[in-house]
């Protein structure tokens, strides 16, 4: 009880110092968390936020999913594919595990392709849409104006004058077997 009264007195007498101290503790905690996240992601294959959260928890750091998402964004961590699955990668980390965009070679992540006007809708396995869209965007396909990706769906905007068959064929060069998943 006496300690609480002392702390209350200090807060009233020195509010600025107490607030600054609390801020420094938060910043130090965030910096330490970021350091450990970089260490964990850099040391092995982390496939999901759940895996990363579990590895952080094993090191004594409990973090909310929203905070972890912000940390991943702030650190510039990306998801890559190596032919066996997706994993988180630090920015600038070159890895021989990554398959270059031109040799992706498989439509395993894509479950269907459907056209509607000048749009193509690609359905993917849960969590794979952003990676597939990134592959399409990085390939700079002439007939693609842009992509928008959610968790398991990609909307692909097709430029005027590009036929559905032409776009399906172009996408098939990136993702072998995609023609078997076309709905229309």
C-alpha atoms as a PDB file:
ATOM      1  CA  UNK A   1       0.000   0.000   0.000  1.00  0.00           C
ATOM      2  CA  UNK A   2       2.817   2.406   0.905  1.00  0.00           C
ATOM      3  CA  UNK A   3       4.491   1.762  -2.504  1.00  0.00           C
ATOM      4  CA  UNK A   4       1.266   2.661  -4.368  1.00  0.00           C
ATOM      5  CA  UNK A   5       1.025   5.935  -2.440  1.00  0.00           C
ATOM      6  CA  UNK A   6       4.675   6.718  -3.266  1.00  0.00           C
ATOM      7  CA  UNK A   7       4.090   5.955  -6.967  1.00  0.00           C
ATOM      8  CA  UNK A   8       0.938   8.107  -6.973  1.00  0.00           C
ATOM      9  CA  UNK A   9       2.882  10.950  -5.356  1.00  0.00           C
ATOM     10  CA  UNK A  10       5.671  10.661  -7.949  1.00  0.00           C
ATOM     11  CA  UNK A  11       3.132  10.643 -10.777  1.00  0.00           C
ATOM     12  CA  UNK A  12       1.494  13.819  -9.425  1.00  0.00           C
ATOM     13  CA  UNK A  13       4.774  15.553  -8.702  1.00  0.00           C
ATOM     14  CA  UNK A  14       6.681  14.441 -11.815  1.00  0.00           C
ATOM     15  CA  UNK A  15       4.065  13.486 -14.452  1.00  0.00           C
ATOM     16  CA  UNK A  16       6.294  14.337 -17.409  1.00  0.00           C
ATOM     17  CA  UNK A  17       9.163  12.186 -16.140  1.00  0.00           C
ATOM     18  CA  UNK A  18       6.841   9.250 -15.448  1.00  0.00           C
ATOM     19  CA  UNK A  19       5.263   9.493 -18.895  1.00  0.00           C
ATOM     20  CA  UNK A  20       8.691   9.702 -20.547  1.00  0.00           C
ATOM     21  CA  UNK A  21       9.879   6.691 -18.568  1.00  0.00           C
ATOM     22  CA  UNK A  22       6.817   4.671 -19.618  1.00  0.00           C
ATOM     23  CA  UNK A  23       7.427   5.696 -23.246  1.00  0.00           C
ATOM     24  CA  UNK A  24      11.072   4.609 -23.042  1.00  0.00           C
ATOM     25  CA  UNK A  25      10.010   1.249 -21.647  1.00  0.00           C
ATOM     26  CA  UNK A  26       7.572   0.792 -24.569  1.00  0.00           C
ATOM     27  CA  UNK A  27      10.175   1.798 -27.140  1.00  0.00           C
ATOM     28  CA  UNK A  28      12.772  -0.475 -25.561  1.00  0.00           C
ATOM     29  CA  UNK A  29      10.222  -3.310 -25.533  1.00  0.00           C
ATOM     30  CA  UNK A  30       9.375  -2.744 -29.186  1.00  0.00           C
ATOM     31  CA  UNK A  31      13.040  -2.558 -30.200  1.00  0.00           C
ATOM     32  CA  UNK A  32      13.802  -5.746 -28.304  1.00  0.00           C
ATOM     33  CA  UNK A  33      10.749  -7.482 -29.835  1.00  0.00           C
ATOM     34  CA  UNK A  34      11.856  -6.368 -33.318  1.00  0.00           C
ATOM     35  CA  UNK A  35      15.371  -7.667 -32.663  1.00  0.00           C
ATOM     36  CA  UNK A  36      14.037 -11.052 -31.614  1.00  0.00           C
ATOM     37  CA  UNK A  37      11.581 -11.210 -34.541  1.00  0.00           C
ATOM     38  CA  UNK A  38      14.468 -10.574 -36.958  1.00  0.00           C
ATOM     39  CA  UNK A  39      16.520 -13.243 -35.219  1.00  0.00           C
ATOM     40  CA  UNK A  40      13.685 -15.810 -35.359  1.00  0.00           C
ATOM     41  CA  UNK A  41      12.715 -15.095 -38.976  1.00  0.00           C
ATOM     42  CA  UNK A  42      16.360 -15.067 -40.066  1.00  0.00           C
ATOM     43  CA  UNK A  43      17.204 -18.359 -38.381  1.00  0.00           C
ATOM     44  CA  UNK A  44      14.671 -20.650 -39.970  1.00  0.00           C
ATOM     45  CA  UNK A  45      11.476 -21.274 -41.796  1.00  0.00           C
ATOM     46  CA  UNK A  46       8.560 -19.462 -40.196  1.00  0.00           C
ATOM     47  CA  UNK A  47       5.444 -20.176 -42.249  1.00  0.00           C
ATOM     48  CA  UNK A  48       2.750 -18.148 -40.496  1.00  0.00           C
ATOM     49  CA  UNK A  49       2.040 -15.468 -37.928  1.00  0.00           C
ATOM     50  CA  UNK A  50       0.830 -18.210 -35.599  1.00  0.00           C
ATOM     51  CA  UNK A  51       4.209 -19.963 -35.889  1.00  0.00           C
ATOM     52  CA  UNK A  52       6.030 -16.679 -35.291  1.00  0.00           C
ATOM     53  CA  UNK A  53       3.849 -15.876 -32.261  1.00  0.00           C
ATOM     54  CA  UNK A  54       4.542 -19.338 -30.817  1.00  0.00           C
ATOM     55  CA  UNK A  55       8.297 -18.944 -31.328  1.00  0.00           C
ATOM     56  CA  UNK A  56       8.199 -15.514 -29.692  1.00  0.00           C
ATOM     57  CA  UNK A  57       6.180 -16.914 -26.790  1.00  0.00           C
ATOM     58  CA  UNK A  58       8.803 -19.643 -26.315  1.00  0.00           C
ATOM     59  CA  UNK A  59      11.288 -16.775 -25.820  1.00  0.00           C
ATOM     60  CA  UNK A  60       9.051 -15.100 -23.256  1.00  0.00           C
ATOM     61  CA  UNK A  61       7.391 -12.530 -25.503  1.00  0.00           C
ATOM     62  CA  UNK A  62       3.617 -12.528 -25.713  1.00  0.00           C
ATOM     63  CA  UNK A  63       2.300 -10.398 -28.561  1.00  0.00           C
ATOM     64  CA  UNK A  64      -1.168  -9.712 -29.956  1.00  0.00           C
ATOM     65  CA  UNK A  65      -1.850 -10.637 -33.583  1.00  0.00           C
ATOM     66  CA  UNK A  66      -2.432  -6.994 -34.555  1.00  0.00           C
ATOM     67  CA  UNK A  67       0.894  -5.965 -32.999  1.00  0.00           C
ATOM     68  CA  UNK A  68       2.676  -8.817 -34.766  1.00  0.00           C
ATOM     69  CA  UNK A  69       1.135  -7.753 -38.104  1.00  0.00           C
ATOM     70  CA  UNK A  70       2.396  -4.192 -37.536  1.00  0.00           C
ATOM     71  CA  UNK A  71       5.835  -5.486 -36.585  1.00  0.00           C
ATOM     72  CA  UNK A  72       6.000  -7.595 -39.764  1.00  0.00           C
ATOM     73  CA  UNK A  73       5.025  -4.561 -41.844  1.00  0.00           C
ATOM     74  CA  UNK A  74       7.405  -2.209 -39.995  1.00  0.00           C
ATOM     75  CA  UNK A  75      10.325  -4.609 -40.433  1.00  0.00           C
ATOM     76  CA  UNK A  76       9.594  -5.104 -44.146  1.00  0.00           C
ATOM     77  CA  UNK A  77       9.259  -8.858 -43.723  1.00  0.00           C
ATOM     78  CA  UNK A  78       7.782 -10.595 -46.776  1.00  0.00           C
ATOM     79  CA  UNK A  79       6.406 -14.030 -47.519  1.00  0.00           C
ATOM     80  CA  UNK A  80       8.263 -16.111 -50.087  1.00  0.00           C
ATOM     81  CA  UNK A  81       7.728 -19.524 -51.646  1.00  0.00           C
ATOM     82  CA  UNK A  82      10.442 -22.123 -52.128  1.00  0.00           C
ATOM     83  CA  UNK A  83       8.590 -24.926 -53.880  1.00  0.00           C
ATOM     84  CA  UNK A  84       7.677 -26.682 -50.633  1.00  0.00           C
ATOM     85  CA  UNK A  85       5.762 -23.882 -48.978  1.00  0.00           C
ATOM     86  CA  UNK A  86       5.643 -20.255 -47.901  1.00  0.00           C
ATOM     87  CA  UNK A  87       7.943 -18.700 -45.329  1.00  0.00           C
ATOM     88  CA  UNK A  88       8.738 -15.262 -43.937  1.00  0.00           C
ATOM     89  CA  UNK A  89      11.903 -13.541 -45.147  1.00  0.00           C
ATOM     90  CA  UNK A  90      13.766 -10.457 -43.955  1.00  0.00           C
ATOM     91  CA  UNK A  91      14.228  -7.610 -46.442  1.00  0.00           C
ATOM     92  CA  UNK A  92      17.336  -7.957 -48.562  1.00  0.00           C
ATOM     93  CA  UNK A  93      17.851 -11.570 -47.523  1.00  0.00           C
ATOM     94  CA  UNK A  94      18.735 -13.478 -50.639  1.00  0.00           C
ATOM     95  CA  UNK A  95      17.848 -17.094 -50.490  1.00  0.00           C
ATOM     96  CA  UNK A  96      18.551 -19.974 -52.810  1.00  0.00           C
ATOM     97  CA  UNK A  97      15.305 -21.481 -51.501  1.00  0.00           C
ATOM     98  CA  UNK A  98      13.231 -18.950 -53.481  1.00  0.00           C
ATOM     99  CA  UNK A  99      12.008 -19.899 -56.919  1.00  0.00           C
ATOM    100  CA  UNK A 100      12.478 -17.010 -59.379  1.00  0.00           C
ATOM    101  CA  UNK A 101       9.263 -15.485 -60.735  1.00  0.00           C
ATOM    102  CA  UNK A 102       9.805 -16.768 -64.283  1.00  0.00           C
ATOM    103  CA  UNK A 103      10.073 -20.360 -63.097  1.00  0.00           C
ATOM    104  CA  UNK A 104       7.180 -20.629 -60.670  1.00  0.00           C
ATOM    105  CA  UNK A 105       5.891 -23.424 -62.864  1.00  0.00           C
ATOM    106  CA  UNK A 106       2.870 -24.527 -60.823  1.00  0.00           C
ATOM    107  CA  UNK A 107      -0.681 -23.447 -60.131  1.00  0.00           C
ATOM    108  CA  UNK A 108      -0.877 -25.455 -56.903  1.00  0.00           C
ATOM    109  CA  UNK A 109      -1.901 -22.366 -54.894  1.00  0.00           C
ATOM    110  CA  UNK A 110      -4.620 -21.415 -57.376  1.00  0.00           C
ATOM    111  CA  UNK A 111      -7.958 -23.232 -57.165  1.00  0.00           C
ATOM    112  CA  UNK A 112      -9.869 -21.485 -59.990  1.00  0.00           C
ATOM    113  CA  UNK A 113      -9.810 -18.793 -62.671  1.00  0.00           C
ATOM    114  CA  UNK A 114     -12.991 -17.064 -63.786  1.00  0.00           C
ATOM    115  CA  UNK A 115     -13.580 -14.068 -66.059  1.00  0.00           C
ATOM    116  CA  UNK A 116     -16.207 -11.320 -65.696  1.00  0.00           C
ATOM    117  CA  UNK A 117     -15.990  -8.517 -68.259  1.00  0.00           C
ATOM    118  CA  UNK A 118     -12.461  -7.047 -68.160  1.00  0.00           C
ATOM    119  CA  UNK A 119     -11.783  -8.712 -64.817  1.00  0.00           C
ATOM    120  CA  UNK A 120     -10.330 -12.074 -63.919  1.00  0.00           C
ATOM    121  CA  UNK A 121     -10.983 -13.595 -60.513  1.00  0.00           C
ATOM    122  CA  UNK A 122      -8.433 -16.073 -59.233  1.00  0.00           C
ATOM    123  CA  UNK A 123      -9.328 -18.112 -56.158  1.00  0.00           C
ATOM    124  CA  UNK A 124      -6.404 -19.431 -54.152  1.00  0.00           C
ATOM    125  CA  UNK A 125      -5.756 -21.543 -51.105  1.00  0.00           C
ATOM    126  CA  UNK A 126      -6.283 -19.493 -47.907  1.00  0.00           C
ATOM    127  CA  UNK A 127      -3.403 -17.102 -47.304  1.00  0.00           C
ATOM    128  CA  UNK A 128      -1.890 -17.482 -50.790  1.00  0.00           C
ATOM    129  CA  UNK A 129      -3.599 -14.657 -52.712  1.00  0.00           C
ATOM    130  CA  UNK A 130      -1.077 -11.945 -51.835  1.00  0.00           C
ATOM    131  CA  UNK A 131       1.860 -14.066 -52.963  1.00  0.00           C
ATOM    132  CA  UNK A 132       0.202 -15.067 -56.244  1.00  0.00           C
ATOM    133  CA  UNK A 133      -0.749 -11.421 -56.913  1.00  0.00           C
ATOM    134  CA  UNK A 134       2.829 -10.349 -56.142  1.00  0.00           C
ATOM    135  CA  UNK A 135       4.108 -12.862 -58.695  1.00  0.00           C
ATOM    136  CA  UNK A 136       1.694 -11.505 -61.312  1.00  0.00           C
ATOM    137  CA  UNK A 137       2.609  -7.889 -60.486  1.00  0.00           C
ATOM    138  CA  UNK A 138       6.354  -8.585 -60.547  1.00  0.00           C
ATOM    139  CA  UNK A 139       6.018 -10.260 -63.944  1.00  0.00           C
ATOM    140  CA  UNK A 140       4.768  -6.972 -65.452  1.00  0.00           C
ATOM    141  CA  UNK A 141       2.375  -8.687 -67.828  1.00  0.00           C
ATOM    142  CA  UNK A 142       1.412  -6.304 -70.657  1.00  0.00           C
ATOM    143  CA  UNK A 143      -2.284  -7.231 -70.504  1.00  0.00           C
ATOM    144  CA  UNK A 144      -2.640  -6.680 -66.750  1.00  0.00           C
ATOM    145  CA  UNK A 145      -3.512  -3.212 -65.458  1.00  0.00           C
ATOM    146  CA  UNK A 146      -3.258  -4.328 -61.821  1.00  0.00           C
ATOM    147  CA  UNK A 147      -4.264  -6.767 -59.111  1.00  0.00           C
ATOM    148  CA  UNK A 148      -6.063  -6.551 -55.796  1.00  0.00           C
ATOM    149  CA  UNK A 149      -5.598  -9.440 -53.383  1.00  0.00           C
ATOM    150  CA  UNK A 150      -7.399 -10.544 -50.263  1.00  0.00           C
ATOM    151  CA  UNK A 151      -6.745 -13.711 -48.295  1.00  0.00           C
ATOM    152  CA  UNK A 152      -7.865 -16.226 -50.913  1.00  0.00           C
ATOM    153  CA  UNK A 153      -9.130 -14.134 -53.839  1.00  0.00           C
ATOM    154  CA  UNK A 154      -7.405 -11.980 -56.447  1.00  0.00           C
ATOM    155  CA  UNK A 155      -9.152  -9.521 -58.735  1.00  0.00           C
ATOM    156  CA  UNK A 156      -7.063  -8.982 -61.836  1.00  0.00           C
ATOM    157  CA  UNK A 157      -7.922  -5.968 -64.039  1.00  0.00           C
ATOM    158  CA  UNK A 158      -7.385  -6.776 -67.720  1.00  0.00           C
ATOM    159  CA  UNK A 159      -6.463  -3.991 -70.141  1.00  0.00           C
ATOM    160  CA  UNK A 160      -8.857  -3.103 -72.962  1.00  0.00           C
ATOM    161  CA  UNK A 161      -8.347  -5.178 -76.098  1.00  0.00           C
ATOM    162  CA  UNK A 162      -6.930  -8.225 -74.292  1.00  0.00           C
ATOM    163  CA  UNK A 163      -9.085 -11.320 -74.761  1.00  0.00           C
ATOM    164  CA  UNK A 164      -9.922 -13.795 -72.018  1.00  0.00           C
ATOM    165  CA  UNK A 165      -8.206 -16.599 -73.939  1.00  0.00           C
ATOM    166  CA  UNK A 166      -5.073 -14.489 -74.366  1.00  0.00           C
ATOM    167  CA  UNK A 167      -5.021 -13.611 -70.645  1.00  0.00           C
ATOM    168  CA  UNK A 168      -5.599 -17.249 -69.632  1.00  0.00           C
ATOM    169  CA  UNK A 169      -2.719 -18.303 -71.877  1.00  0.00           C
ATOM    170  CA  UNK A 170      -0.451 -15.561 -70.468  1.00  0.00           C
ATOM    171  CA  UNK A 171      -1.262 -16.555 -66.879  1.00  0.00           C
ATOM    172  CA  UNK A 172      -0.668 -20.184 -67.881  1.00  0.00           C
ATOM    173  CA  UNK A 173       2.943 -19.286 -68.726  1.00  0.00           C
ATOM    174  CA  UNK A 174       3.414 -18.239 -65.100  1.00  0.00           C
ATOM    175  CA  UNK A 175       1.359 -20.999 -63.510  1.00  0.00           C
ATOM    176  CA  UNK A 176       1.449 -24.342 -65.337  1.00  0.00           C
ATOM    177  CA  UNK A 177      -1.826 -26.230 -65.115  1.00  0.00           C
ATOM    178  CA  UNK A 178      -3.939 -23.106 -64.731  1.00  0.00           C
ATOM    179  CA  UNK A 179      -5.876 -23.901 -67.923  1.00  0.00           C
ATOM    180  CA  UNK A 180      -7.410 -26.892 -66.102  1.00  0.00           C
ATOM    181  CA  UNK A 181      -8.757 -24.580 -63.401  1.00  0.00           C
ATOM    182  CA  UNK A 182     -10.518 -22.129 -65.734  1.00  0.00           C
ATOM    183  CA  UNK A 183     -14.264 -21.966 -65.063  1.00  0.00           C
ATOM    184  CA  UNK A 184     -15.324 -19.993 -68.175  1.00  0.00           C
END
